[in-house]
Each structure stands twice: as structure tokens, then as C-alpha cells.
Amino acid sequence: MKPSFLTLRSLRNSKRQVLFILLLLSLGECTLPLSSVLAYKPSWPIFDEVQGGEHWYTVKDKDSLYAIAGRYGSTWGYLAERNLLNVPHKLTIGQRLVANNRHIIPRNQMVEGLLLNIPGHMLYLFEKGALVKRFPVGLGRSDWPTPEGSFTITGKTKNPTWTVPKSIQEEMRQEGRVVIEKVPPGPDNPLGKYWLPLSIPGYGIHATIWPESIGHSTSHGCIRMLTEDIEDLFERIKSGAPLTIVYEPLKMAVTSDKKIFLEAHANTYQKPISYWKHVQKLAQENGLANRINWVKVNQVLTERNGLAEEITIK
């Protein structure tokens, strides 16, 4: 049965932003700010698998469009428009929304361990070359970016104490806040109940007391996960497991039934990128240019809603 919707004004031309949420979430947990990020060098090939799709979502306590969209790897603007909701729109507990988690799976990029794509805000767990699970994550904001590269998990800690980095103490001091050196385990600890430190000092994967930050870039560089997700990952992952962090705002796939999909994310750290040229290059190198609906490509690249959209000529 197809979803039915409330008759409300579309968000299509709305440009309002929920900036106050980002400000509330910016108190983070990790390490040194970086003055620049690595240049963008696209390296991903065309993939062959797309997972997920539209489904009903029932609104829970403390939910918002911002939080729900983040958990599904999309944007709050898309979620509002898909459900014909005005913005701002206060959700009610029990309200049903159409959510979408259709994404291209980056197989063949990892045999064992974790793969994180920054623009997609998605962490993938692979075993023997097969995808085991994918998790939405919160990442570093533009002035405290999550680092790219190859790292390892160096330990596993339950109920960690947060030793506040000197750089964040200085930020507290400059903002006129009380300077905190340590936060013990408990409901006020930004690390939550689980901490997986990385081989790059000061960074790690952890739970969060701000679940609404998942799917967004609001931390001081660390990787935030929903408590139930990191609890799952904590039991699966071993100390010494590899983690590769990449920056790929575009993914393309050709599925087994010859359908072509394109997934575009926002340029989180504002790197110099030509989305259009990158898509053209992938299409030409793989003999797909004549099978692609380029009007649809333009729409996908304009909206950048984070979802895999079919771009095959019908």
C-alpha cells in the first residue's frame, strides 16, 4: 500500500536552516583542530549493489526531522518534502513518516574491518569481503574535521572517563565557559558508555549523549554512534581491527538488472570538487554515458540528499 500524506505546503523552495541545533551540538569530545583537510582525490569505482528503500517510520519521543534524517543518511529537507511537511514542523509521537535508507554499498573497498565515508556519515563493517552491517555516525565539524587515512582500533573501554583535551579546554576558556578537565562515567559524559580509541592520538569511536547529532558534522573530530549501534559494534569488533576513513561525496552503481544509480552527498568540508565532471568521467570510462538520464543526474547533484537515485534512461 502506498503511503498517504497530509496536504501541507511543500518544502521545495524553502531555504530555512535549523542552525540553533548545530550550535547546541557543537560541544564535543575529541582533539586538535586541523587548519586544512586533505585534497579530494576521487578513487572509488562503480559499485554493483544498492540496499534499502522507502518504509514507514513511527515518530518516537524527542524525534525531529533533523535527527531522523541523519540516522537514515539523508537530509531533513528531503524528509520534510517527501512527507509534505511545512518547516518548522513539530512532530508528534506516533506520527507515521515515509523514511528512505536506499544507499549504494561500497563493496570491494574493504575485506576485513571498518570503512567510514565522511560525506555519507556512514560506517561499514566488513568480514571476509562481505558487508556485515552499516551504521550512521556523527563526525567532526568543518573546523575540527574527522581525519582521513588508515588507522586501527587500539582498545575497547566500557564506561570511559573523558579526559578533556587541552585544545577543547582552551575553547571552553575562550567562550567563557567553565573549564573542565575530566568527566567521569555517567549521563553527562560525551563519550557515552563505549569508547574505541584509534591509532591517531585523541580520536576514537564512541557512544553519544546527543543522538540527534548522528548523521551530521558537529563533533570535535571523533566518530559518534547511537548507543545501541556501538553496543552492537563493540561486541563484534576486536582491538587491532583496521579502520579506513575516506572522503567520497559521490557513489555510482550498476546493479545486476542493469539499472544505474547515483548517490550524492553534501561537500562536508568544502573541498574543491566538480561533481559533474566526476560523474561524466565515471560514465565515460565505463561506457555508460548513452544510458544515463543526464537531466536526472543534474537533479541528483543539485539536491544532494544522500540517497541512491536511479538515473537510467527509461
Protein backbone atom coordinates (compact mmCIF):
# COMPACT_ATOMS: atom_id res chain seq x y z
CA MET A 1 0.00 0.00 0.00
CA LYS A 2 1.39 3.38 -0.97
CA PRO A 3 1.80 5.96 1.83
CA SER A 4 -0.78 8.71 2.09
CA PHE A 5 0.18 12.23 3.15
CA LEU A 6 -1.17 15.28 4.91
CA THR A 7 -1.89 18.14 2.50
CA LEU A 8 0.75 20.62 3.62
CA ARG A 9 2.87 23.16 1.72
CA SER A 10 5.97 21.63 0.10
CA LEU A 11 9.44 22.50 1.32
CA ARG A 12 10.88 22.65 -2.22
CA ASN A 13 11.71 26.38 -2.22
CA SER A 14 12.41 26.74 1.48
CA LYS A 15 15.92 27.82 2.50
CA ARG A 16 15.48 27.99 6.25
CA GLN A 17 18.08 26.19 8.33
CA VAL A 18 17.93 24.78 11.84
CA LEU A 19 21.24 26.41 12.83
CA PHE A 20 20.45 26.53 16.54
CA ILE A 21 20.59 22.71 16.66
CA LEU A 22 24.13 22.75 15.31
CA LEU A 23 25.17 25.23 17.98
CA LEU A 24 23.72 23.10 20.75
CA LEU A 25 25.53 20.04 19.45
CA SER A 26 28.94 21.60 18.92
CA LEU A 27 30.29 20.81 22.40
CA GLY A 28 32.38 17.80 21.52
CA GLU A 29 34.80 15.30 22.86
CA CYS A 30 37.94 14.84 20.84
CA THR A 31 41.13 16.51 19.89
CA LEU A 32 43.12 19.09 17.96
CA PRO A 33 41.51 21.31 15.30
CA LEU A 34 43.01 21.00 11.84
CA SER A 35 43.66 24.06 9.71
CA SER A 36 43.10 22.14 6.48
CA VAL A 37 41.89 18.81 5.20
CA LEU A 38 43.33 16.53 2.54
CA ALA A 39 42.64 17.44 -1.07
CA TYR A 40 39.84 15.49 -2.73
CA LYS A 41 41.11 12.71 -4.98
CA PRO A 42 38.20 10.53 -6.12
CA SER A 43 39.19 6.88 -6.13
CA TRP A 44 36.03 4.80 -5.84
CA PRO A 45 34.97 2.69 -8.85
CA ILE A 46 31.42 1.96 -9.94
CA PHE A 47 29.77 -0.44 -7.49
CA ASP A 48 27.13 -3.12 -8.08
CA GLU A 49 24.89 -3.17 -5.02
CA VAL A 50 22.11 -0.93 -3.70
CA GLN A 51 20.38 -1.64 -0.39
CA GLY A 52 17.39 -0.16 1.39
CA GLY A 53 14.39 1.83 0.27
CA GLU A 54 11.25 3.57 1.45
CA HIS A 55 9.44 2.36 4.54
CA TRP A 56 7.20 3.64 7.28
CA TYR A 57 8.80 5.23 10.33
CA THR A 58 6.85 5.88 13.55
CA VAL A 59 7.90 9.02 15.40
CA LYS A 60 9.28 8.49 18.91
CA ASP A 61 9.82 10.77 21.88
CA LYS A 62 12.36 13.56 21.19
CA ASP A 63 12.42 12.83 17.45
CA SER A 64 12.87 15.61 14.91
CA LEU A 65 13.21 15.76 11.13
CA TYR A 66 16.88 16.63 11.66
CA ALA A 67 17.52 13.57 13.86
CA ILE A 68 15.51 11.07 11.80
CA ALA A 69 17.07 12.13 8.50
CA GLY A 70 20.56 11.90 9.99
CA ARG A 71 20.01 8.33 11.13
CA TYR A 72 18.94 7.31 7.62
CA GLY A 73 21.80 9.06 5.83
CA SER A 74 19.62 11.68 4.18
CA THR A 75 18.70 15.34 4.78
CA TRP A 76 15.93 16.85 6.86
CA GLY A 77 14.88 18.88 3.82
CA TYR A 78 14.29 15.72 1.79
CA LEU A 79 12.38 14.07 4.64
CA ALA A 80 10.13 17.10 5.05
CA GLU A 81 9.45 17.41 1.34
CA ARG A 82 8.80 13.68 0.89
CA ASN A 83 6.18 13.87 3.64
CA LEU A 84 4.75 17.23 2.51
CA LEU A 85 5.56 18.90 5.80
CA ASN A 86 5.95 22.61 6.39
CA VAL A 87 9.10 23.76 8.15
CA PRO A 88 9.36 24.26 11.03
CA HIS A 89 7.11 21.28 11.76
CA LYS A 90 6.72 19.77 15.23
CA LEU A 91 6.42 16.01 15.06
CA THR A 92 4.04 14.12 17.33
CA ILE A 93 4.73 10.77 18.98
CA GLY A 94 3.14 8.01 16.94
CA GLN A 95 3.07 10.05 13.72
CA ARG A 96 3.99 7.98 10.66
CA LEU A 97 6.52 9.24 8.15
CA VAL A 98 7.90 7.82 4.94
CA ALA A 99 11.64 7.35 5.50
CA ASN A 100 14.26 6.21 2.98
CA ASN A 101 17.57 4.45 3.58
CA ARG A 102 18.45 3.49 -0.01
CA HIS A 103 22.23 3.64 -0.43
CA ILE A 104 24.96 2.29 -2.67
CA ILE A 105 27.16 -0.22 -0.84
CA PRO A 106 30.92 0.33 -1.36
CA ARG A 107 31.89 -3.31 -1.68
CA ASN A 108 35.40 -4.40 -2.70
CA GLN A 109 36.92 -1.48 -0.78
CA MET A 110 37.47 -3.45 2.41
CA VAL A 111 37.97 -7.15 3.15
CA GLU A 112 38.12 -7.05 6.95
CA GLY A 113 37.38 -4.19 9.30
CA LEU A 114 35.70 -0.82 9.15
CA LEU A 115 35.23 1.67 6.32
CA LEU A 116 33.98 5.20 7.02
CA ASN A 117 32.88 7.65 4.34
CA ILE A 118 32.85 11.19 5.75
CA PRO A 119 30.32 12.89 3.40
CA GLY A 120 27.97 9.92 3.74
CA HIS A 121 28.26 9.84 7.55
CA MET A 122 28.18 6.05 7.30
CA LEU A 123 30.39 3.38 8.90
CA TYR A 124 30.55 -0.04 7.22
CA LEU A 125 31.65 -3.28 8.90
CA PHE A 126 33.12 -5.92 6.56
CA GLU A 127 34.06 -9.53 7.22
CA LYS A 128 35.68 -11.71 4.53
CA GLY A 129 34.78 -9.11 1.93
CA ALA A 130 31.07 -9.14 2.77
CA LEU A 131 29.15 -6.28 4.35
CA VAL A 132 28.01 -7.28 7.83
CA LYS A 133 26.33 -4.05 8.88
CA ARG A 134 26.26 -0.31 8.24
CA PHE A 135 25.92 2.32 10.95
CA PRO A 136 25.06 6.04 10.70
CA VAL A 137 27.59 8.20 12.54
CA GLY A 138 28.21 11.77 13.65
CA LEU A 139 31.52 13.33 12.62
CA GLY A 140 33.73 16.38 13.10
CA ARG A 141 32.59 19.83 12.11
CA SER A 142 34.44 21.77 9.42
CA ASP A 143 36.85 23.49 11.84
CA TRP A 144 37.52 20.20 13.70
CA PRO A 145 37.39 17.70 10.80
CA THR A 146 37.47 13.95 11.20
CA PRO A 147 40.85 12.84 9.77
CA GLU A 148 41.20 10.70 6.65
CA GLY A 149 43.55 7.75 6.38
CA SER A 150 44.20 4.22 7.58
CA PHE A 151 44.02 3.56 11.32
CA THR A 152 43.44 0.75 13.79
CA ILE A 153 41.25 0.21 16.84
CA THR A 154 43.70 0.19 19.75
CA GLY A 155 41.42 -0.82 22.62
CA LYS A 156 37.90 -1.25 23.99
CA THR A 157 36.59 0.57 27.08
CA LYS A 158 33.19 0.45 28.74
CA ASN A 159 32.00 3.41 30.83
CA PRO A 160 35.04 5.58 29.96
CA THR A 161 36.22 8.70 31.72
CA TRP A 162 36.63 11.62 29.32
CA THR A 163 39.93 13.42 29.75
CA VAL A 164 39.21 16.75 28.10
CA PRO A 165 41.93 17.64 25.54
CA LYS A 166 43.84 20.87 26.17
CA SER A 167 42.55 22.25 22.88
CA ILE A 168 38.94 21.86 23.98
CA GLN A 169 39.76 23.29 27.41
CA GLU A 170 41.13 26.33 25.63
CA GLU A 171 37.96 26.58 23.55
CA MET A 172 35.90 26.48 26.75
CA ARG A 173 38.06 29.24 28.21
CA GLN A 174 37.72 31.45 25.13
CA GLU A 175 33.95 31.01 25.13
CA GLY A 176 33.68 31.97 28.79
CA ARG A 177 32.55 28.52 29.92
CA VAL A 178 33.70 26.63 32.99
CA VAL A 179 36.86 24.74 32.04
CA ILE A 180 36.52 21.01 32.70
CA GLU A 181 39.50 18.66 32.82
CA LYS A 182 37.78 15.29 33.35
CA VAL A 183 34.23 13.95 33.08
CA PRO A 184 33.54 10.69 34.93
CA PRO A 185 31.29 7.94 33.55
CA GLY A 186 27.63 8.85 33.68
CA PRO A 187 24.80 10.66 31.88
CA ASP A 188 26.87 13.83 31.32
CA ASN A 189 29.85 12.12 29.69
CA PRO A 190 30.00 12.95 25.94
CA LEU A 191 31.65 9.57 25.26
CA GLY A 192 28.60 7.69 26.45
CA LYS A 193 29.04 4.10 27.59
CA TYR A 194 31.54 2.84 24.98
CA TRP A 195 34.91 4.05 23.69
CA LEU A 196 37.02 2.57 20.87
CA PRO A 197 40.28 4.57 20.68
CA LEU A 198 42.08 4.92 17.35
CA SER A 199 45.77 4.75 16.50
CA ILE A 200 45.69 8.51 15.81
CA PRO A 201 46.01 10.05 19.30
CA GLY A 202 42.94 11.71 20.75
CA TYR A 203 40.44 10.27 18.29
CA GLY A 204 38.03 7.39 18.69
CA ILE A 205 34.61 5.88 18.08
CA HIS A 206 32.15 6.29 20.93
CA ALA A 207 28.53 6.44 22.01
CA THR A 208 26.92 9.83 22.44
CA ILE A 209 24.55 11.60 24.79
CA TRP A 210 23.38 13.65 21.77
CA PRO A 211 21.68 11.10 19.47
CA GLU A 212 20.31 13.92 17.32
CA SER A 213 23.88 14.60 16.14
CA ILE A 214 24.08 11.27 14.29
CA GLY A 215 24.30 11.81 10.54
CA HIS A 216 25.70 15.32 10.96
CA SER A 217 29.07 17.03 11.42
CA THR A 218 29.03 18.59 14.88
CA SER A 219 31.77 16.88 16.91
CA HIS A 220 35.40 17.83 17.58
CA GLY A 221 36.56 15.14 15.15
CA CYS A 222 35.58 11.90 16.86
CA ILE A 223 33.10 9.40 15.47
CA ARG A 224 29.78 9.35 17.33
CA MET A 225 27.37 6.41 17.23
CA LEU A 226 23.94 5.68 18.65
CA THR A 227 24.27 3.76 21.91
CA GLU A 228 22.52 0.67 20.53
CA ASP A 229 24.73 0.72 17.43
CA ILE A 230 28.08 0.97 19.21
CA GLU A 231 26.92 -1.63 21.71
CA ASP A 232 26.47 -3.95 18.72
CA LEU A 233 29.79 -2.93 17.13
CA PHE A 234 31.61 -3.19 20.48
CA GLU A 235 30.76 -6.89 20.68
CA ARG A 236 31.71 -7.58 17.05
CA ILE A 237 34.96 -5.65 16.67
CA LYS A 238 38.36 -6.63 18.07
CA SER A 239 41.23 -4.46 19.22
CA GLY A 240 43.62 -4.16 16.31
CA ALA A 241 40.88 -4.08 13.68
CA PRO A 242 41.60 -1.71 10.76
CA LEU A 243 39.60 1.43 10.04
CA THR A 244 39.85 3.28 6.73
CA ILE A 245 38.38 6.79 6.58
CA VAL A 246 37.72 8.25 3.13
CA TYR A 247 36.10 11.32 1.61
CA GLU A 248 33.80 10.31 -1.26
CA PRO A 249 30.73 12.52 -1.77
CA LEU A 250 29.70 10.61 -4.91
CA LYS A 251 28.87 6.94 -5.47
CA MET A 252 27.66 5.28 -8.66
CA ALA A 253 26.39 1.74 -9.12
CA VAL A 254 25.21 -0.55 -11.89
CA THR A 255 23.07 -3.32 -10.44
CA SER A 256 22.64 -6.88 -11.72
CA ASP A 257 19.48 -5.83 -13.59
CA LYS A 258 21.47 -3.11 -15.42
CA LYS A 259 19.95 -0.17 -13.54
CA ILE A 260 22.28 2.79 -12.91
CA PHE A 261 22.18 4.60 -9.58
CA LEU A 262 23.84 7.79 -8.38
CA GLU A 263 24.23 8.92 -4.78
CA ALA A 264 25.39 12.45 -3.96
CA HIS A 265 26.18 13.93 -0.56
CA ALA A 266 26.94 17.45 0.55
CA ASN A 267 30.58 18.53 0.35
CA THR A 268 31.01 18.38 4.14
CA TYR A 269 34.42 20.05 4.33
CA GLN A 270 34.00 22.24 1.23
CA LYS A 271 36.80 20.65 -0.78
CA PRO A 272 37.33 21.78 -4.38
CA ILE A 273 35.13 19.28 -6.21
CA SER A 274 33.39 19.18 -9.58
CA TYR A 275 30.56 16.72 -9.04
CA TRP A 276 29.51 16.97 -12.67
CA LYS A 277 32.95 16.21 -14.10
CA HIS A 278 33.38 13.27 -11.76
CA VAL A 279 30.08 11.71 -12.89
CA GLN A 280 30.97 12.30 -16.53
CA LYS A 281 34.35 10.63 -16.02
CA LEU A 282 32.85 7.54 -14.39
CA ALA A 283 30.21 7.29 -17.10
CA GLN A 284 32.68 7.63 -19.98
CA GLU A 285 35.24 5.22 -18.51
CA ASN A 286 32.56 2.55 -18.04
CA GLY A 287 30.64 3.06 -21.30
CA LEU A 288 27.51 4.34 -19.58
CA ALA A 289 27.13 7.86 -21.00
CA ASN A 290 24.44 6.90 -23.53
CA ARG A 291 22.39 5.01 -20.93
CA ILE A 292 22.19 7.84 -18.41
CA ASN A 293 19.40 10.37 -17.97
CA TRP A 294 21.54 13.50 -17.60
CA VAL A 295 18.57 15.65 -16.58
CA LYS A 296 18.08 13.31 -13.62
CA VAL A 297 21.82 13.49 -12.89
CA ASN A 298 21.55 17.26 -12.67
CA GLN A 299 18.65 16.93 -10.23
CA VAL A 300 20.56 14.47 -8.03
CA LEU A 301 23.66 16.68 -7.98
CA THR A 302 21.59 19.76 -7.20
CA GLU A 303 19.64 18.19 -4.33
CA ARG A 304 22.47 16.08 -2.83
CA ASN A 305 20.02 14.38 -0.50
CA GLY A 306 22.35 11.44 0.23
CA LEU A 307 20.09 8.77 -1.28
CA ALA A 308 20.77 6.44 -4.19
CA GLU A 309 18.60 7.60 -7.10
CA GLU A 310 18.13 5.74 -10.36
CA ILE A 311 19.50 7.67 -13.36
CA THR A 312 18.93 5.09 -16.10
CA ILE A 313 17.22 6.30 -19.28
CA LYS A 314 13.71 4.83 -19.21
